[in-house]
Amino acid sequence: MYAANCASCHGPSGGGGVGPSLRESVLSRDALRQITLQGKGAMPGFPKLRGAELEALLNLLESWQP
């Protein structure tokens, strides 16, 4: 999921690029979920992302947080 939909903007390892670094994020899991599903600013939302795939993405994003 990340490689196919997020890496082009946030970098292959979340370090940033066109989009901000995800490794510097201090957002809560709920905030990460909301932004992922609804989008924010130039980032599109992924409202169809659900279940295990969404949880796996959130786990990855949280693992990168400081």
PDB file of N, CA and C in Angstrom:
ATOM      1  N   MET A   1       0.830  -1.192   0.000  1.00  0.00           N
ATOM      2  CA  MET A   1       0.000   0.000   0.000  1.00  0.00           C
ATOM      3  C   MET A   1       0.869   1.248   0.000  1.00  0.00           C
ATOM      4  N   TYR A   2       1.813   1.313   0.937  1.00  0.00           N
ATOM      5  CA  TYR A   2       2.660   2.505   1.018  1.00  0.00           C
ATOM      6  C   TYR A   2       3.446   2.703  -0.278  1.00  0.00           C
ATOM      7  N   ALA A   3       4.121   1.678  -0.736  1.00  0.00           N
ATOM      8  CA  ALA A   3       4.956   1.800  -1.929  1.00  0.00           C
ATOM      9  C   ALA A   3       4.140   2.230  -3.149  1.00  0.00           C
ATOM     10  N   ALA A   4       2.936   1.717  -3.269  1.00  0.00           N
ATOM     11  CA  ALA A   4       2.111   2.003  -4.439  1.00  0.00           C
ATOM     12  C   ALA A   4       1.432   3.364  -4.391  1.00  0.00           C
ATOM     13  N   ASN A   5       1.136   3.870  -3.199  1.00  0.00           N
ATOM     14  CA  ASN A   5       0.301   5.065  -3.116  1.00  0.00           C
ATOM     15  C   ASN A   5       0.922   6.255  -2.393  1.00  0.00           C
ATOM     16  N   CYS A   6       1.937   6.033  -1.590  1.00  0.00           N
ATOM     17  CA  CYS A   6       2.458   7.110  -0.744  1.00  0.00           C
ATOM     18  C   CYS A   6       3.901   7.488  -1.058  1.00  0.00           C
ATOM     19  N   ALA A   7       4.691   6.502  -1.465  1.00  0.00           N
ATOM     20  CA  ALA A   7       6.136   6.702  -1.634  1.00  0.00           C
ATOM     21  C   ALA A   7       6.480   7.749  -2.688  1.00  0.00           C
ATOM     22  N   SER A   8       5.650   7.909  -3.695  1.00  0.00           N
ATOM     23  CA  SER A   8       5.975   8.879  -4.747  1.00  0.00           C
ATOM     24  C   SER A   8       6.032  10.307  -4.211  1.00  0.00           C
ATOM     25  N   CYS A   9       5.298  10.602  -3.148  1.00  0.00           N
ATOM     26  CA  CYS A   9       5.327  11.952  -2.560  1.00  0.00           C
ATOM     27  C   CYS A   9       6.128  12.011  -1.259  1.00  0.00           C
ATOM     28  N   HIS A  10       6.010  10.969  -0.429  1.00  0.00           N
ATOM     29  CA  HIS A  10       6.631  10.990   0.898  1.00  0.00           C
ATOM     30  C   HIS A  10       7.977  10.274   0.941  1.00  0.00           C
ATOM     31  N   GLY A  11       8.443   9.782  -0.203  1.00  0.00           N
ATOM     32  CA  GLY A  11       9.724   9.088  -0.273  1.00  0.00           C
ATOM     33  C   GLY A  11       9.579   7.612   0.046  1.00  0.00           C
ATOM     34  N   PRO A  12      10.463   6.784  -0.507  1.00  0.00           N
ATOM     35  CA  PRO A  12      10.364   5.334  -0.331  1.00  0.00           C
ATOM     36  C   PRO A  12      10.469   4.873   1.123  1.00  0.00           C
ATOM     37  N   SER A  13      11.141   5.653   1.948  1.00  0.00           N
ATOM     38  CA  SER A  13      11.253   5.273   3.358  1.00  0.00           C
ATOM     39  C   SER A  13      10.640   6.334   4.277  1.00  0.00           C
ATOM     40  N   GLY A  14       9.725   7.139   3.716  1.00  0.00           N
ATOM     41  CA  GLY A  14       9.002   8.113   4.517  1.00  0.00           C
ATOM     42  C   GLY A  14       9.752   9.375   4.861  1.00  0.00           C
ATOM     43  N   GLY A  15      10.921   9.578   4.262  1.00  0.00           N
ATOM     44  CA  GLY A  15      11.739  10.729   4.604  1.00  0.00           C
ATOM     45  C   GLY A  15      11.334  12.036   3.954  1.00  0.00           C
ATOM     46  N   GLY A  16      10.339  12.020   3.102  1.00  0.00           N
ATOM     47  CA  GLY A  16       9.861  13.234   2.463  1.00  0.00           C
ATOM     48  C   GLY A  16      10.328  13.356   1.030  1.00  0.00           C
ATOM     49  N   GLY A  17       9.778  14.307   0.357  1.00  0.00           N
ATOM     50  CA  GLY A  17      10.053  14.575  -1.049  1.00  0.00           C
ATOM     51  C   GLY A  17       9.131  15.704  -1.450  1.00  0.00           C
ATOM     52  N   VAL A  18       8.207  15.433  -2.337  1.00  0.00           N
ATOM     53  CA  VAL A  18       7.170  16.396  -2.688  1.00  0.00           C
ATOM     54  C   VAL A  18       6.304  16.654  -1.453  1.00  0.00           C
ATOM     55  N   GLY A  19       5.986  15.585  -0.746  1.00  0.00           N
ATOM     56  CA  GLY A  19       5.223  15.677   0.492  1.00  0.00           C
ATOM     57  C   GLY A  19       6.164  15.704   1.689  1.00  0.00           C
ATOM     58  N   PRO A  20       5.645  16.003   2.861  1.00  0.00           N
ATOM     59  CA  PRO A  20       6.488  16.104   4.055  1.00  0.00           C
ATOM     60  C   PRO A  20       7.021  14.756   4.527  1.00  0.00           C
ATOM     61  N   SER A  21       8.052  14.813   5.333  1.00  0.00           N
ATOM     62  CA  SER A  21       8.607  13.615   5.954  1.00  0.00           C
ATOM     63  C   SER A  21       7.583  13.025   6.914  1.00  0.00           C
ATOM     64  N   LEU A  22       7.382  11.738   6.826  1.00  0.00           N
ATOM     65  CA  LEU A  22       6.501  11.044   7.761  1.00  0.00           C
ATOM     66  C   LEU A  22       7.281  10.573   8.981  1.00  0.00           C
ATOM     67  N   ARG A  23       8.586  10.645   8.895  1.00  0.00           N
ATOM     68  CA  ARG A  23       9.442  10.231  10.010  1.00  0.00           C
ATOM     69  C   ARG A  23       9.524  11.305  11.093  1.00  0.00           C
ATOM     70  N   GLU A  24       9.075  12.491  10.787  1.00  0.00           N
ATOM     71  CA  GLU A  24       9.093  13.578  11.761  1.00  0.00           C
ATOM     72  C   GLU A  24       7.707  13.850  12.329  1.00  0.00           C
ATOM     73  N   SER A  25       6.734  13.069  11.902  1.00  0.00           N
ATOM     74  CA  SER A  25       5.357  13.262  12.341  1.00  0.00           C
ATOM     75  C   SER A  25       5.184  12.876  13.805  1.00  0.00           C
ATOM     76  N   VAL A  26       4.369  13.637  14.505  1.00  0.00           N
ATOM     77  CA  VAL A  26       4.000  13.316  15.880  1.00  0.00           C
ATOM     78  C   VAL A  26       2.477  13.236  16.002  1.00  0.00           C
ATOM     79  N   LEU A  27       1.822  12.986  14.880  1.00  0.00           N
ATOM     80  CA  LEU A  27       0.365  12.883  14.869  1.00  0.00           C
ATOM     81  C   LEU A  27      -0.094  11.628  15.600  1.00  0.00           C
ATOM     82  N   SER A  28      -1.243  11.719  16.226  1.00  0.00           N
ATOM     83  CA  SER A  28      -1.834  10.547  16.880  1.00  0.00           C
ATOM     84  C   SER A  28      -2.310   9.561  15.814  1.00  0.00           C
ATOM     85  N   ARG A  29      -2.572   8.350  16.233  1.00  0.00           N
ATOM     86  CA  ARG A  29      -3.080   7.335  15.303  1.00  0.00           C
ATOM     87  C   ARG A  29      -4.410   7.791  14.700  1.00  0.00           C
ATOM     88  N   ASP A  30      -5.262   8.394  15.511  1.00  0.00           N
ATOM     89  CA  ASP A  30      -6.545   8.876  14.998  1.00  0.00           C
ATOM     90  C   ASP A  30      -6.357   9.963  13.951  1.00  0.00           C
ATOM     91  N   ALA A  31      -5.410  10.868  14.175  1.00  0.00           N
ATOM     92  CA  ALA A  31      -5.135  11.922  13.194  1.00  0.00           C
ATOM     93  C   ALA A  31      -4.565  11.330  11.911  1.00  0.00           C
ATOM     94  N   LEU A  32      -3.654  10.371  12.040  1.00  0.00           N
ATOM     95  CA  LEU A  32      -3.105   9.697  10.854  1.00  0.00           C
ATOM     96  C   LEU A  32      -4.221   9.009  10.069  1.00  0.00           C
ATOM     97  N   ARG A  33      -5.135   8.354  10.785  1.00  0.00           N
ATOM     98  CA  ARG A  33      -6.265   7.667  10.131  1.00  0.00           C
ATOM     99  C   ARG A  33      -7.124   8.682   9.374  1.00  0.00           C
ATOM    100  N   GLN A  34      -7.460   9.783  10.021  1.00  0.00           N
ATOM    101  CA  GLN A  34      -8.331  10.787   9.402  1.00  0.00           C
ATOM    102  C   GLN A  34      -7.688  11.379   8.151  1.00  0.00           C
ATOM    103  N   ILE A  35      -6.419  11.741   8.231  1.00  0.00           N
ATOM    104  CA  ILE A  35      -5.731  12.317   7.076  1.00  0.00           C
ATOM    105  C   ILE A  35      -5.611  11.287   5.954  1.00  0.00           C
ATOM    106  N   THR A  36      -5.321  10.046   6.306  1.00  0.00           N
ATOM    107  CA  THR A  36      -5.211   8.998   5.291  1.00  0.00           C
ATOM    108  C   THR A  36      -6.540   8.799   4.569  1.00  0.00           C
ATOM    109  N   LEU A  37      -7.614   8.771   5.305  1.00  0.00           N
ATOM    110  CA  LEU A  37      -8.921   8.514   4.705  1.00  0.00           C
ATOM    111  C   LEU A  37      -9.504   9.739   3.996  1.00  0.00           C
ATOM    112  N   GLN A  38      -9.309  10.934   4.555  1.00  0.00           N
ATOM    113  CA  GLN A  38      -9.955  12.130   4.024  1.00  0.00           C
ATOM    114  C   GLN A  38      -9.025  13.034   3.213  1.00  0.00           C
ATOM    115  N   GLY A  39      -7.710  12.851   3.380  1.00  0.00           N
ATOM    116  CA  GLY A  39      -6.754  13.725   2.714  1.00  0.00           C
ATOM    117  C   GLY A  39      -6.601  15.032   3.481  1.00  0.00           C
ATOM    118  N   LYS A  40      -5.625  15.819   3.059  1.00  0.00           N
ATOM    119  CA  LYS A  40      -5.386  17.125   3.681  1.00  0.00           C
ATOM    120  C   LYS A  40      -4.483  17.926   2.761  1.00  0.00           C
ATOM    121  N   GLY A  41      -4.857  19.168   2.510  1.00  0.00           N
ATOM    122  CA  GLY A  41      -4.062  20.001   1.614  1.00  0.00           C
ATOM    123  C   GLY A  41      -3.970  19.358   0.234  1.00  0.00           C
ATOM    124  N   ALA A  42      -2.752  19.193  -0.262  1.00  0.00           N
ATOM    125  CA  ALA A  42      -2.547  18.601  -1.585  1.00  0.00           C
ATOM    126  C   ALA A  42      -2.638  17.076  -1.578  1.00  0.00           C
ATOM    127  N   MET A  43      -2.670  16.483  -0.384  1.00  0.00           N
ATOM    128  CA  MET A  43      -2.728  15.021  -0.306  1.00  0.00           C
ATOM    129  C   MET A  43      -4.151  14.529  -0.533  1.00  0.00           C
ATOM    130  N   PRO A  44      -4.318  13.585  -1.473  1.00  0.00           N
ATOM    131  CA  PRO A  44      -5.655  13.023  -1.676  1.00  0.00           C
ATOM    132  C   PRO A  44      -6.007  12.070  -0.544  1.00  0.00           C
ATOM    133  N   GLY A  45      -7.278  11.882  -0.343  1.00  0.00           N
ATOM    134  CA  GLY A  45      -7.742  10.903   0.628  1.00  0.00           C
ATOM    135  C   GLY A  45      -7.865   9.529  -0.004  1.00  0.00           C
ATOM    136  N   PHE A  46      -7.861   8.514   0.835  1.00  0.00           N
ATOM    137  CA  PHE A  46      -8.025   7.136   0.396  1.00  0.00           C
ATOM    138  C   PHE A  46      -9.197   6.539   1.174  1.00  0.00           C
ATOM    139  N   PRO A  47     -10.432   6.999   0.891  1.00  0.00           N
ATOM    140  CA  PRO A  47     -11.589   6.600   1.682  1.00  0.00           C
ATOM    141  C   PRO A  47     -11.950   5.116   1.588  1.00  0.00           C
ATOM    142  N   LYS A  48     -11.481   4.440   0.571  1.00  0.00           N
ATOM    143  CA  LYS A  48     -11.805   3.013   0.423  1.00  0.00           C
ATOM    144  C   LYS A  48     -10.844   2.108   1.191  1.00  0.00           C
ATOM    145  N   LEU A  49      -9.797   2.682   1.748  1.00  0.00           N
ATOM    146  CA  LEU A  49      -8.816   1.910   2.503  1.00  0.00           C
ATOM    147  C   LEU A  49      -9.427   1.533   3.843  1.00  0.00           C
ATOM    148  N   ARG A  50      -9.498   0.261   4.131  1.00  0.00           N
ATOM    149  CA  ARG A  50     -10.156  -0.209   5.349  1.00  0.00           C
ATOM    150  C   ARG A  50      -9.460  -1.446   5.900  1.00  0.00           C
ATOM    151  N   GLY A  51      -9.880  -1.845   7.064  1.00  0.00           N
ATOM    152  CA  GLY A  51      -9.486  -3.110   7.660  1.00  0.00           C
ATOM    153  C   GLY A  51      -7.998  -3.272   7.867  1.00  0.00           C
ATOM    154  N   ALA A  52      -7.535  -4.486   7.597  1.00  0.00           N
ATOM    155  CA  ALA A  52      -6.154  -4.867   7.862  1.00  0.00           C
ATOM    156  C   ALA A  52      -5.161  -4.013   7.075  1.00  0.00           C
ATOM    157  N   GLU A  53      -5.524  -3.635   5.863  1.00  0.00           N
ATOM    158  CA  GLU A  53      -4.607  -2.836   5.044  1.00  0.00           C
ATOM    159  C   GLU A  53      -4.405  -1.446   5.661  1.00  0.00           C
ATOM    160  N   LEU A  54      -5.479  -0.824   6.126  1.00  0.00           N
ATOM    161  CA  LEU A  54      -5.375   0.473   6.789  1.00  0.00           C
ATOM    162  C   LEU A  54      -4.578   0.356   8.082  1.00  0.00           C
ATOM    163  N   GLU A  55      -4.862  -0.657   8.871  1.00  0.00           N
ATOM    164  CA  GLU A  55      -4.151  -0.846  10.137  1.00  0.00           C
ATOM    165  C   GLU A  55      -2.665  -1.081   9.905  1.00  0.00           C
ATOM    166  N   ALA A  56      -2.308  -1.844   8.869  1.00  0.00           N
ATOM    167  CA  ALA A  56      -0.898  -2.088   8.553  1.00  0.00           C
ATOM    168  C   ALA A  56      -0.197  -0.790   8.159  1.00  0.00           C
ATOM    169  N   LEU A  57      -0.876   0.050   7.379  1.00  0.00           N
ATOM    170  CA  LEU A  57      -0.293   1.335   6.993  1.00  0.00           C
ATOM    171  C   LEU A  57      -0.095   2.218   8.223  1.00  0.00           C
ATOM    172  N   LEU A  58      -1.089   2.283   9.085  1.00  0.00           N
ATOM    173  CA  LEU A  58      -0.974   3.088  10.302  1.00  0.00           C
ATOM    174  C   LEU A  58       0.143   2.572  11.204  1.00  0.00           C
ATOM    175  N   ASN A  59       0.296   1.254  11.283  1.00  0.00           N
ATOM    176  CA  ASN A  59       1.392   0.669  12.068  1.00  0.00           C
ATOM    177  C   ASN A  59       2.742   1.112  11.512  1.00  0.00           C
ATOM    178  N   LEU A  60       2.876   1.102  10.188  1.00  0.00           N
ATOM    179  CA  LEU A  60       4.118   1.535   9.558  1.00  0.00           C
ATOM    180  C   LEU A  60       4.395   3.006   9.862  1.00  0.00           C
ATOM    181  N   LEU A  61       3.392   3.843   9.688  1.00  0.00           N
ATOM    182  CA  LEU A  61       3.574   5.281   9.932  1.00  0.00           C
ATOM    183  C   LEU A  61       3.960   5.544  11.388  1.00  0.00           C
ATOM    184  N   GLU A  62       3.303   4.860  12.306  1.00  0.00           N
ATOM    185  CA  GLU A  62       3.641   5.031  13.718  1.00  0.00           C
ATOM    186  C   GLU A  62       5.053   4.530  14.035  1.00  0.00           C
ATOM    187  N   SER A  63       5.485   3.486  13.354  1.00  0.00           N
ATOM    188  CA  SER A  63       6.835   2.951  13.623  1.00  0.00           C
ATOM    189  C   SER A  63       7.913   3.927  13.200  1.00  0.00           C
ATOM    190  N   TRP A  64       7.596   4.840  12.295  1.00  0.00           N
ATOM    191  CA  TRP A  64       8.566   5.829  11.837  1.00  0.00           C
ATOM    192  C   TRP A  64       8.606   7.070  12.713  1.00  0.00           C
ATOM    193  N   GLN A  65       7.640   7.253  13.570  1.00  0.00           N
ATOM    194  CA  GLN A  65       7.588   8.461  14.393  1.00  0.00           C
ATOM    195  C   GLN A  65       8.717   8.476  15.416  1.00  0.00           C
ATOM    196  N   PRO A  66       9.202   9.690  15.740  1.00  0.00           N
ATOM    197  CA  PRO A  66      10.273   9.791  16.733  1.00  0.00           C
ATOM    198  C   PRO A  66       9.813   9.369  18.118  1.00  0.00           C
TER     199      PRO A  66
END
